[in-house]
Amino acid sequence: MRKILLTMSAALIVAGLVAYLVYPGSTREVVFDRDLHAADAAPPLVPFDKVDHSVWDRLLRKYVDGNGMVDYAAWKASESDTSSLRQYVAALGRADPEAPTTEGGRLAFWINAYNALTVYGILEVYPTSSIRNHTAKVLGYNIWRDLLLPVAGKKYSLEDIEHKVLRKLGEPRIHFAIVCASIGCPRLRNEAYTRAGLESQLVENTRDFFSRPEHFRVDAAKRIVYVSPILQWFGEDFGPTPQQRLKKLVKYLPADDGILQLIGQGDFSVGYLDYDWSLNDQRQKTAN
């Protein structure tokens, strides 16, 4: 029995070592490039409305195209722009979740935080073909759980931001705004979300999402509506049944009388399309 236990222990140690070599360092935390122990190093906290997203906006306009595809190679090759992204993401930690703010400011902050942290995490491991290459379930680094963003002293993973913050704010259209660096995701806008522009940005991105056949299409003859599995994974955020979820989203669907009539009648079945986890990489897409 002892020999078996020793063999099992040795196997676990070897597996752990392999996982460490493949995914070095399980937990990664974004911090400021400064001496955090200095008495005056920690900047004051600010309300969500006062957080400056201009650096993120500039980087998006430079490296993201109109379809949400990212030039990761060029971005990573630029030491100044990778440093700018790191400093922006770290600076998000100055936000004060307890300070009075607008709902738009809160939503814009957390959407930007999710998207920027995702891009930051991808650039750390790039070149790669998919975010799923970095989502270890047992041993090793999982970008969704182990990449941490401290905000006002509390650490948030991507899973925390999505499920414990954004989904609890009662705005289901966040699922068409936050991006997991995959082609199956909604497009990454090439501009930052802002408090003032949030509503129009959410409307535009939601309509864009449903305009794409990889996310939404209809077989009118068979009365089947095919949708992205996003509406299956997060269905409870939109409604109790697939039909009711699409009725709630009908104003964002393509302006086709046949489609709108079918959705309005409610007499249709729903099928779920395949989700493309390929990286939203401009250069890989061009190569294919």
C-alpha atoms as a PDB file:
ATOM      1  CA  MET A   1       0.000   0.000   0.000  1.00  0.00           C
ATOM      2  CA  ARG A   2       2.815   2.353   0.926  1.00  0.00           C
ATOM      3  CA  LYS A   3       4.533   1.619  -2.377  1.00  0.00           C
ATOM      4  CA  ILE A   4       1.337   2.469  -4.279  1.00  0.00           C
ATOM      5  CA  LEU A   5       0.953   5.758  -2.387  1.00  0.00           C
ATOM      6  CA  LEU A   6       4.579   6.687  -3.077  1.00  0.00           C
ATOM      7  CA  THR A   7       4.096   5.914  -6.773  1.00  0.00           C
ATOM      8  CA  MET A   8       0.941   8.033  -6.903  1.00  0.00           C
ATOM      9  CA  SER A   9       2.676  10.901  -5.101  1.00  0.00           C
ATOM     10  CA  ALA A  10       5.585  10.762  -7.520  1.00  0.00           C
ATOM     11  CA  ALA A  11       3.185  10.817 -10.474  1.00  0.00           C
ATOM     12  CA  LEU A  12       1.393  13.877  -9.079  1.00  0.00           C
ATOM     13  CA  ILE A  13       4.695  15.674  -8.557  1.00  0.00           C
ATOM     14  CA  VAL A  14       5.762  14.943 -12.140  1.00  0.00           C
ATOM     15  CA  ALA A  15       2.366  16.081 -13.471  1.00  0.00           C
ATOM     16  CA  GLY A  16       2.600  19.269 -11.441  1.00  0.00           C
ATOM     17  CA  LEU A  17       6.108  19.944 -12.744  1.00  0.00           C
ATOM     18  CA  VAL A  18       4.987  19.430 -16.342  1.00  0.00           C
ATOM     19  CA  ALA A  19       2.026  21.767 -15.810  1.00  0.00           C
ATOM     20  CA  TYR A  20       4.310  24.378 -14.295  1.00  0.00           C
ATOM     21  CA  LEU A  21       6.697  24.188 -17.241  1.00  0.00           C
ATOM     22  CA  VAL A  22       3.845  24.463 -19.739  1.00  0.00           C
ATOM     23  CA  TYR A  23       1.929  27.119 -17.786  1.00  0.00           C
ATOM     24  CA  PRO A  24       4.554  28.798 -15.584  1.00  0.00           C
ATOM     25  CA  GLY A  25       3.035  30.439 -12.542  1.00  0.00           C
ATOM     26  CA  SER A  26      -0.593  29.591 -11.878  1.00  0.00           C
ATOM     27  CA  THR A  27      -1.704  32.993 -10.620  1.00  0.00           C
ATOM     28  CA  ARG A  28      -0.754  36.247 -12.318  1.00  0.00           C
ATOM     29  CA  GLU A  29      -1.622  39.634 -10.960  1.00  0.00           C
ATOM     30  CA  VAL A  30      -1.496  42.981 -12.725  1.00  0.00           C
ATOM     31  CA  VAL A  31       0.414  45.543 -10.659  1.00  0.00           C
ATOM     32  CA  PHE A  32       1.859  49.007 -11.137  1.00  0.00           C
ATOM     33  CA  ASP A  33       5.426  49.416 -12.404  1.00  0.00           C
ATOM     34  CA  ARG A  34       6.382  51.383  -9.349  1.00  0.00           C
ATOM     35  CA  ASP A  35       7.523  50.895  -5.762  1.00  0.00           C
ATOM     36  CA  LEU A  36       4.260  50.056  -4.043  1.00  0.00           C
ATOM     37  CA  HIS A  37       5.997  50.189  -0.666  1.00  0.00           C
ATOM     38  CA  ALA A  38       6.796  53.881  -0.952  1.00  0.00           C
ATOM     39  CA  ALA A  39       4.665  56.059   1.297  1.00  0.00           C
ATOM     40  CA  ASP A  40       3.304  58.152  -1.559  1.00  0.00           C
ATOM     41  CA  ALA A  41       3.192  55.388  -4.214  1.00  0.00           C
ATOM     42  CA  ALA A  42      -0.463  54.420  -3.949  1.00  0.00           C
ATOM     43  CA  PRO A  43      -2.587  56.887  -5.959  1.00  0.00           C
ATOM     44  CA  PRO A  44      -5.986  57.976  -4.587  1.00  0.00           C
ATOM     45  CA  LEU A  45      -9.082  56.010  -5.554  1.00  0.00           C
ATOM     46  CA  VAL A  46     -11.559  57.567  -7.983  1.00  0.00           C
ATOM     47  CA  PRO A  47     -15.239  56.881  -8.865  1.00  0.00           C
ATOM     48  CA  PHE A  48     -15.938  54.747 -11.938  1.00  0.00           C
ATOM     49  CA  ASP A  49     -17.106  57.859 -13.804  1.00  0.00           C
ATOM     50  CA  LYS A  50     -13.684  59.447 -13.357  1.00  0.00           C
ATOM     51  CA  VAL A  51     -11.573  56.552 -14.647  1.00  0.00           C
ATOM     52  CA  ASP A  52      -9.677  57.571 -17.786  1.00  0.00           C
ATOM     53  CA  HIS A  53     -10.131  55.064 -20.642  1.00  0.00           C
ATOM     54  CA  SER A  54      -8.360  57.164 -23.281  1.00  0.00           C
ATOM     55  CA  VAL A  55      -5.257  54.932 -23.423  1.00  0.00           C
ATOM     56  CA  TRP A  56      -7.418  51.850 -24.009  1.00  0.00           C
ATOM     57  CA  ASP A  57      -9.375  53.744 -26.653  1.00  0.00           C
ATOM     58  CA  ARG A  58      -6.172  54.716 -28.480  1.00  0.00           C
ATOM     59  CA  LEU A  59      -4.840  51.147 -28.441  1.00  0.00           C
ATOM     60  CA  LEU A  60      -8.117  49.704 -29.715  1.00  0.00           C
ATOM     61  CA  ARG A  61      -8.231  52.166 -32.598  1.00  0.00           C
ATOM     62  CA  LYS A  62      -4.656  51.266 -33.520  1.00  0.00           C
ATOM     63  CA  TYR A  63      -4.788  47.467 -33.330  1.00  0.00           C
ATOM     64  CA  VAL A  64      -8.438  46.388 -33.776  1.00  0.00           C
ATOM     65  CA  ASP A  65     -10.307  46.491 -37.076  1.00  0.00           C
ATOM     66  CA  GLY A  66     -14.024  47.047 -37.711  1.00  0.00           C
ATOM     67  CA  ASN A  67     -14.771  43.325 -37.374  1.00  0.00           C
ATOM     68  CA  GLY A  68     -13.161  43.072 -33.956  1.00  0.00           C
ATOM     69  CA  MET A  69     -10.051  41.287 -35.210  1.00  0.00           C
ATOM     70  CA  VAL A  70      -6.841  42.159 -33.374  1.00  0.00           C
ATOM     71  CA  ASP A  71      -3.325  42.575 -34.708  1.00  0.00           C
ATOM     72  CA  TYR A  72      -1.769  40.827 -31.722  1.00  0.00           C
ATOM     73  CA  ALA A  73       1.577  40.360 -33.456  1.00  0.00           C
ATOM     74  CA  ALA A  74       2.073  44.068 -34.087  1.00  0.00           C
ATOM     75  CA  TRP A  75       0.779  44.956 -30.622  1.00  0.00           C
ATOM     76  CA  LYS A  76       3.171  42.545 -28.912  1.00  0.00           C
ATOM     77  CA  ALA A  77       6.038  43.775 -31.073  1.00  0.00           C
ATOM     78  CA  SER A  78       5.505  47.307 -29.734  1.00  0.00           C
ATOM     79  CA  GLU A  79       7.174  47.537 -26.341  1.00  0.00           C
ATOM     80  CA  SER A  80       5.664  50.963 -25.725  1.00  0.00           C
ATOM     81  CA  ASP A  81       2.094  49.864 -26.512  1.00  0.00           C
ATOM     82  CA  THR A  82       2.291  46.634 -24.498  1.00  0.00           C
ATOM     83  CA  SER A  83       3.574  48.743 -21.620  1.00  0.00           C
ATOM     84  CA  SER A  84       0.738  51.238 -22.141  1.00  0.00           C
ATOM     85  CA  LEU A  85      -1.822  48.435 -21.964  1.00  0.00           C
ATOM     86  CA  ARG A  86      -0.250  47.060 -18.822  1.00  0.00           C
ATOM     87  CA  GLN A  87      -0.289  50.459 -17.171  1.00  0.00           C
ATOM     88  CA  TYR A  88      -3.907  51.065 -18.210  1.00  0.00           C
ATOM     89  CA  VAL A  89      -5.060  47.725 -16.819  1.00  0.00           C
ATOM     90  CA  ALA A  90      -3.126  48.306 -13.622  1.00  0.00           C
ATOM     91  CA  ALA A  91      -4.553  51.829 -13.348  1.00  0.00           C
ATOM     92  CA  LEU A  92      -8.063  50.348 -13.318  1.00  0.00           C
ATOM     93  CA  GLY A  93      -7.181  49.312  -9.782  1.00  0.00           C
ATOM     94  CA  ARG A  94      -7.584  52.952  -8.734  1.00  0.00           C
ATOM     95  CA  ALA A  95     -11.364  52.720  -9.169  1.00  0.00           C
ATOM     96  CA  ASP A  96     -13.457  52.865  -6.032  1.00  0.00           C
ATOM     97  CA  PRO A  97     -16.485  50.530  -6.252  1.00  0.00           C
ATOM     98  CA  GLU A  98     -17.970  52.186  -3.147  1.00  0.00           C
ATOM     99  CA  ALA A  99     -17.891  55.737  -4.487  1.00  0.00           C
ATOM    100  CA  PRO A 100     -21.105  57.260  -5.918  1.00  0.00           C
ATOM    101  CA  THR A 101     -21.252  56.835  -9.686  1.00  0.00           C
ATOM    102  CA  THR A 102     -23.662  56.472 -12.585  1.00  0.00           C
ATOM    103  CA  GLU A 103     -24.895  53.077 -13.752  1.00  0.00           C
ATOM    104  CA  GLY A 104     -23.439  53.791 -17.191  1.00  0.00           C
ATOM    105  CA  GLY A 105     -20.076  54.592 -15.702  1.00  0.00           C
ATOM    106  CA  ARG A 106     -20.094  51.369 -13.690  1.00  0.00           C
ATOM    107  CA  LEU A 107     -21.018  49.228 -16.705  1.00  0.00           C
ATOM    108  CA  ALA A 108     -18.514  50.910 -19.018  1.00  0.00           C
ATOM    109  CA  PHE A 109     -15.753  50.453 -16.452  1.00  0.00           C
ATOM    110  CA  TRP A 110     -16.297  46.722 -15.991  1.00  0.00           C
ATOM    111  CA  ILE A 111     -16.812  46.017 -19.723  1.00  0.00           C
ATOM    112  CA  ASN A 112     -13.556  47.801 -20.508  1.00  0.00           C
ATOM    113  CA  ALA A 113     -11.845  46.026 -17.619  1.00  0.00           C
ATOM    114  CA  TYR A 114     -12.944  42.601 -18.870  1.00  0.00           C
ATOM    115  CA  ASN A 115     -11.898  43.245 -22.456  1.00  0.00           C
ATOM    116  CA  ALA A 116      -8.592  44.905 -21.609  1.00  0.00           C
ATOM    117  CA  LEU A 117      -7.630  42.200 -19.116  1.00  0.00           C
ATOM    118  CA  THR A 118      -8.421  39.550 -21.744  1.00  0.00           C
ATOM    119  CA  VAL A 119      -6.247  41.219 -24.386  1.00  0.00           C
ATOM    120  CA  TYR A 120      -3.503  41.700 -21.792  1.00  0.00           C
ATOM    121  CA  GLY A 121      -3.658  37.993 -20.939  1.00  0.00           C
ATOM    122  CA  ILE A 122      -3.542  36.948 -24.585  1.00  0.00           C
ATOM    123  CA  LEU A 123      -0.531  39.154 -25.307  1.00  0.00           C
ATOM    124  CA  GLU A 124       1.277  37.488 -22.409  1.00  0.00           C
ATOM    125  CA  VAL A 125       0.976  34.065 -24.062  1.00  0.00           C
ATOM    126  CA  TYR A 126       1.002  35.115 -27.744  1.00  0.00           C
ATOM    127  CA  PRO A 127       1.585  33.547 -30.235  1.00  0.00           C
ATOM    128  CA  THR A 128      -1.327  31.205 -29.603  1.00  0.00           C
ATOM    129  CA  SER A 129      -4.237  29.907 -31.651  1.00  0.00           C
ATOM    130  CA  SER A 130      -6.968  30.032 -28.993  1.00  0.00           C
ATOM    131  CA  ILE A 131      -7.689  31.249 -25.491  1.00  0.00           C
ATOM    132  CA  ARG A 132      -8.738  27.665 -24.758  1.00  0.00           C
ATOM    133  CA  ASN A 133      -5.057  26.695 -24.884  1.00  0.00           C
ATOM    134  CA  HIS A 134      -4.694  28.593 -21.604  1.00  0.00           C
ATOM    135  CA  THR A 135      -7.700  27.408 -19.603  1.00  0.00           C
ATOM    136  CA  ALA A 136      -6.336  24.399 -17.704  1.00  0.00           C
ATOM    137  CA  LYS A 137      -9.083  22.689 -15.723  1.00  0.00           C
ATOM    138  CA  VAL A 138      -6.967  20.998 -13.034  1.00  0.00           C
ATOM    139  CA  LEU A 139      -3.251  21.772 -13.090  1.00  0.00           C
ATOM    140  CA  GLY A 140      -1.643  24.848 -14.574  1.00  0.00           C
ATOM    141  CA  TYR A 141      -2.671  28.306 -15.616  1.00  0.00           C
ATOM    142  CA  ASN A 142      -6.293  29.166 -16.374  1.00  0.00           C
ATOM    143  CA  ILE A 143      -6.554  32.663 -17.839  1.00  0.00           C
ATOM    144  CA  TRP A 144     -10.204  32.991 -16.782  1.00  0.00           C
ATOM    145  CA  ARG A 145      -9.480  32.212 -13.130  1.00  0.00           C
ATOM    146  CA  ASP A 146      -5.802  32.956 -12.523  1.00  0.00           C
ATOM    147  CA  LEU A 147      -5.230  36.322 -14.214  1.00  0.00           C
ATOM    148  CA  LEU A 148      -6.123  38.747 -11.432  1.00  0.00           C
ATOM    149  CA  LEU A 149      -6.985  42.425 -11.490  1.00  0.00           C
ATOM    150  CA  PRO A 150      -6.838  44.161  -8.096  1.00  0.00           C
ATOM    151  CA  VAL A 151      -9.453  46.913  -7.814  1.00  0.00           C
ATOM    152  CA  ALA A 152      -9.401  48.930  -4.597  1.00  0.00           C
ATOM    153  CA  GLY A 153      -7.560  46.084  -2.872  1.00  0.00           C
ATOM    154  CA  LYS A 154      -9.912  43.288  -4.012  1.00  0.00           C
ATOM    155  CA  LYS A 155      -8.725  40.851  -6.663  1.00  0.00           C
ATOM    156  CA  TYR A 156     -10.977  40.003  -9.618  1.00  0.00           C
ATOM    157  CA  SER A 157     -10.507  37.259 -12.181  1.00  0.00           C
ATOM    158  CA  LEU A 158     -12.200  37.346 -15.570  1.00  0.00           C
ATOM    159  CA  GLU A 159     -14.773  34.881 -14.227  1.00  0.00           C
ATOM    160  CA  ASP A 160     -15.387  37.181 -11.248  1.00  0.00           C
ATOM    161  CA  ILE A 161     -15.903  40.216 -13.471  1.00  0.00           C
ATOM    162  CA  GLU A 162     -18.336  38.392 -15.738  1.00  0.00           C
ATOM    163  CA  HIS A 163     -20.366  36.363 -13.249  1.00  0.00           C
ATOM    164  CA  LYS A 164     -20.048  38.187  -9.924  1.00  0.00           C
ATOM    165  CA  VAL A 165     -20.092  41.768 -11.194  1.00  0.00           C
ATOM    166  CA  LEU A 166     -21.437  42.347 -14.705  1.00  0.00           C
ATOM    167  CA  ARG A 167     -24.206  39.748 -14.783  1.00  0.00           C
ATOM    168  CA  LYS A 168     -25.501  41.021 -11.453  1.00  0.00           C
ATOM    169  CA  LEU A 169     -25.975  44.523 -12.878  1.00  0.00           C
ATOM    170  CA  GLY A 170     -29.062  43.382 -14.785  1.00  0.00           C
ATOM    171  CA  GLU A 171     -27.944  44.373 -18.288  1.00  0.00           C
ATOM    172  CA  PRO A 172     -27.971  41.227 -20.482  1.00  0.00           C
ATOM    173  CA  ARG A 173     -26.503  43.067 -23.463  1.00  0.00           C
ATOM    174  CA  ILE A 174     -23.123  42.842 -21.735  1.00  0.00           C
ATOM    175  CA  HIS A 175     -22.925  39.412 -23.407  1.00  0.00           C
ATOM    176  CA  PHE A 176     -22.613  41.215 -26.748  1.00  0.00           C
ATOM    177  CA  ALA A 177     -19.938  43.569 -25.423  1.00  0.00           C
ATOM    178  CA  ILE A 178     -17.462  41.483 -23.426  1.00  0.00           C
ATOM    179  CA  VAL A 179     -15.072  39.507 -25.588  1.00  0.00           C
ATOM    180  CA  CYS A 180     -13.152  36.294 -24.867  1.00  0.00           C
ATOM    181  CA  ALA A 181     -10.633  36.822 -27.698  1.00  0.00           C
ATOM    182  CA  SER A 182     -12.420  34.318 -29.947  1.00  0.00           C
ATOM    183  CA  ILE A 183     -14.118  34.529 -33.329  1.00  0.00           C
ATOM    184  CA  GLY A 184     -17.285  33.109 -31.766  1.00  0.00           C
ATOM    185  CA  CYS A 185     -17.483  36.097 -29.432  1.00  0.00           C
ATOM    186  CA  PRO A 186     -19.148  39.385 -30.286  1.00  0.00           C
ATOM    187  CA  ARG A 187     -16.754  41.742 -31.999  1.00  0.00           C
ATOM    188  CA  LEU A 188     -14.279  43.681 -29.901  1.00  0.00           C
ATOM    189  CA  ARG A 189     -15.147  47.316 -30.615  1.00  0.00           C
ATOM    190  CA  ASN A 190     -12.237  49.424 -31.791  1.00  0.00           C
ATOM    191  CA  GLU A 191     -13.095  52.050 -29.213  1.00  0.00           C
ATOM    192  CA  ALA A 192     -13.517  52.083 -25.453  1.00  0.00           C
ATOM    193  CA  TYR A 193     -16.964  51.937 -23.885  1.00  0.00           C
ATOM    194  CA  THR A 194     -17.908  55.212 -22.221  1.00  0.00           C
ATOM    195  CA  ARG A 195     -20.592  56.363 -19.834  1.00  0.00           C
ATOM    196  CA  ALA A 196     -21.971  58.847 -22.350  1.00  0.00           C
ATOM    197  CA  GLY A 197     -21.923  56.489 -25.326  1.00  0.00           C
ATOM    198  CA  LEU A 198     -22.771  53.230 -23.583  1.00  0.00           C
ATOM    199  CA  GLU A 199     -26.386  52.837 -24.709  1.00  0.00           C
ATOM    200  CA  SER A 200     -25.678  53.454 -28.382  1.00  0.00           C
ATOM    201  CA  GLN A 201     -22.589  51.233 -28.204  1.00  0.00           C
ATOM    202  CA  LEU A 202     -24.573  48.353 -26.685  1.00  0.00           C
ATOM    203  CA  VAL A 203     -27.341  48.744 -29.258  1.00  0.00           C
ATOM    204  CA  GLU A 204     -24.867  48.817 -32.140  1.00  0.00           C
ATOM    205  CA  ASN A 205     -22.849  45.837 -30.933  1.00  0.00           C
ATOM    206  CA  THR A 206     -25.960  43.756 -30.248  1.00  0.00           C
ATOM    207  CA  ARG A 207     -27.314  44.464 -33.736  1.00  0.00           C
ATOM    208  CA  ASP A 208     -23.919  43.711 -35.233  1.00  0.00           C
ATOM    209  CA  PHE A 209     -23.832  40.381 -33.386  1.00  0.00           C
ATOM    210  CA  PHE A 210     -27.165  39.207 -34.800  1.00  0.00           C
ATOM    211  CA  SER A 211     -26.323  40.451 -38.291  1.00  0.00           C
ATOM    212  CA  ARG A 212     -23.619  37.812 -38.623  1.00  0.00           C
ATOM    213  CA  PRO A 213     -24.585  34.346 -39.890  1.00  0.00           C
ATOM    214  CA  GLU A 214     -22.111  32.673 -37.565  1.00  0.00           C
ATOM    215  CA  HIS A 215     -24.251  33.973 -34.669  1.00  0.00           C
ATOM    216  CA  PHE A 216     -27.793  33.993 -36.057  1.00  0.00           C
ATOM    217  CA  ARG A 217     -29.643  32.519 -38.989  1.00  0.00           C
ATOM    218  CA  VAL A 218     -33.107  31.202 -39.752  1.00  0.00           C
ATOM    219  CA  ASP A 219     -34.481  28.219 -41.646  1.00  0.00           C
ATOM    220  CA  ALA A 220     -37.960  29.620 -42.311  1.00  0.00           C
ATOM    221  CA  ALA A 221     -39.199  26.485 -44.071  1.00  0.00           C
ATOM    222  CA  LYS A 222     -38.429  24.328 -41.034  1.00  0.00           C
ATOM    223  CA  ARG A 223     -39.262  27.104 -38.569  1.00  0.00           C
ATOM    224  CA  ILE A 224     -35.888  26.765 -36.867  1.00  0.00           C
ATOM    225  CA  VAL A 225     -33.930  29.716 -35.542  1.00  0.00           C
ATOM    226  CA  TYR A 226     -30.226  29.032 -35.120  1.00  0.00           C
ATOM    227  CA  VAL A 227     -28.405  31.194 -32.572  1.00  0.00           C
ATOM    228  CA  SER A 228     -25.049  31.442 -30.873  1.00  0.00           C
ATOM    229  CA  PRO A 229     -24.666  29.212 -27.799  1.00  0.00           C
ATOM    230  CA  ILE A 230     -24.158  32.429 -25.843  1.00  0.00           C
ATOM    231  CA  LEU A 231     -27.964  32.508 -25.615  1.00  0.00           C
ATOM    232  CA  GLN A 232     -27.859  28.986 -24.204  1.00  0.00           C
ATOM    233  CA  TRP A 233     -24.997  29.458 -21.744  1.00  0.00           C
ATOM    234  CA  PHE A 234     -26.460  32.683 -20.376  1.00  0.00           C
ATOM    235  CA  GLY A 235     -30.090  32.113 -21.279  1.00  0.00           C
ATOM    236  CA  GLU A 236     -31.418  32.946 -17.818  1.00  0.00           C
ATOM    237  CA  ASP A 237     -30.200  36.527 -18.295  1.00  0.00           C
ATOM    238  CA  PHE A 238     -32.585  36.954 -21.244  1.00  0.00           C
ATOM    239  CA  GLY A 239     -35.687  34.957 -20.344  1.00  0.00           C
ATOM    240  CA  PRO A 240     -37.058  31.589 -19.192  1.00  0.00           C
ATOM    241  CA  THR A 241     -37.364  29.944 -22.631  1.00  0.00           C
ATOM    242  CA  PRO A 242     -35.407  30.188 -25.916  1.00  0.00           C
ATOM    243  CA  GLN A 243     -38.475  31.645 -27.650  1.00  0.00           C
ATOM    244  CA  GLN A 244     -38.956  34.336 -24.999  1.00  0.00           C
ATOM    245  CA  ARG A 245     -35.256  35.213 -25.114  1.00  0.00           C
ATOM    246  CA  LEU A 246     -35.446  35.922 -28.836  1.00  0.00           C
ATOM    247  CA  LYS A 247     -38.671  37.888 -28.437  1.00  0.00           C
ATOM    248  CA  LYS A 248     -36.860  40.084 -25.925  1.00  0.00           C
ATOM    249  CA  LEU A 249     -34.080  40.653 -28.464  1.00  0.00           C
ATOM    250  CA  VAL A 250     -36.299  41.047 -31.529  1.00  0.00           C
ATOM    251  CA  LYS A 251     -35.527  44.745 -32.046  1.00  0.00           C
ATOM    252  CA  TYR A 252     -31.862  43.851 -32.540  1.00  0.00           C
ATOM    253  CA  LEU A 253     -32.509  41.146 -35.149  1.00  0.00           C
ATOM    254  CA  PRO A 254     -32.157  41.708 -38.910  1.00  0.00           C
ATOM    255  CA  ALA A 255     -35.031  43.793 -40.287  1.00  0.00           C
ATOM    256  CA  ASP A 256     -36.554  40.929 -42.251  1.00  0.00           C
ATOM    257  CA  ASP A 257     -40.356  40.721 -42.184  1.00  0.00           C
ATOM    258  CA  GLY A 258     -40.337  36.927 -42.353  1.00  0.00           C
ATOM    259  CA  ILE A 259     -37.925  36.597 -39.443  1.00  0.00           C
ATOM    260  CA  LEU A 260     -39.743  39.148 -37.326  1.00  0.00           C
ATOM    261  CA  GLN A 261     -43.099  37.499 -37.976  1.00  0.00           C
ATOM    262  CA  LEU A 262     -41.721  34.076 -37.080  1.00  0.00           C
ATOM    263  CA  ILE A 263     -40.220  35.367 -33.832  1.00  0.00           C
ATOM    264  CA  GLY A 264     -43.384  37.289 -33.018  1.00  0.00           C
ATOM    265  CA  GLN A 265     -45.599  34.228 -33.425  1.00  0.00           C
ATOM    266  CA  GLY A 266     -43.341  32.224 -31.127  1.00  0.00           C
ATOM    267  CA  ASP A 267     -44.027  28.991 -33.001  1.00  0.00           C
ATOM    268  CA  PHE A 268     -40.456  27.978 -33.775  1.00  0.00           C
ATOM    269  CA  SER A 269     -37.699  25.796 -32.402  1.00  0.00           C
ATOM    270  CA  VAL A 270     -34.180  26.920 -31.542  1.00  0.00           C
ATOM    271  CA  GLY A 271     -30.914  25.312 -32.543  1.00  0.00           C
ATOM    272  CA  TYR A 272     -27.466  26.314 -31.360  1.00  0.00           C
ATOM    273  CA  LEU A 273     -24.587  27.010 -33.719  1.00  0.00           C
ATOM    274  CA  ASP A 274     -21.028  25.828 -33.227  1.00  0.00           C
ATOM    275  CA  TYR A 275     -18.832  28.220 -31.275  1.00  0.00           C
ATOM    276  CA  ASP A 276     -15.544  29.141 -32.913  1.00  0.00           C
ATOM    277  CA  TRP A 277     -12.823  29.356 -30.258  1.00  0.00           C
ATOM    278  CA  SER A 278     -10.143  30.374 -32.779  1.00  0.00           C
ATOM    279  CA  LEU A 279      -8.261  33.487 -31.721  1.00  0.00           C
ATOM    280  CA  ASN A 280      -9.646  36.759 -33.119  1.00  0.00           C
ATOM    281  CA  ASP A 281      -6.264  37.335 -34.722  1.00  0.00           C
ATOM    282  CA  GLN A 282      -6.010  39.454 -37.877  1.00  0.00           C
ATOM    283  CA  ARG A 283      -2.939  37.599 -39.114  1.00  0.00           C
ATOM    284  CA  GLN A 284      -4.210  34.068 -38.490  1.00  0.00           C
ATOM    285  CA  LYS A 285      -7.504  34.924 -40.201  1.00  0.00           C
ATOM    286  CA  THR A 286      -5.625  36.292 -43.211  1.00  0.00           C
ATOM    287  CA  ALA A 287      -3.416  33.190 -43.345  1.00  0.00           C
ATOM    288  CA  ASN A 288      -6.471  30.940 -43.442  1.00  0.00           C
END
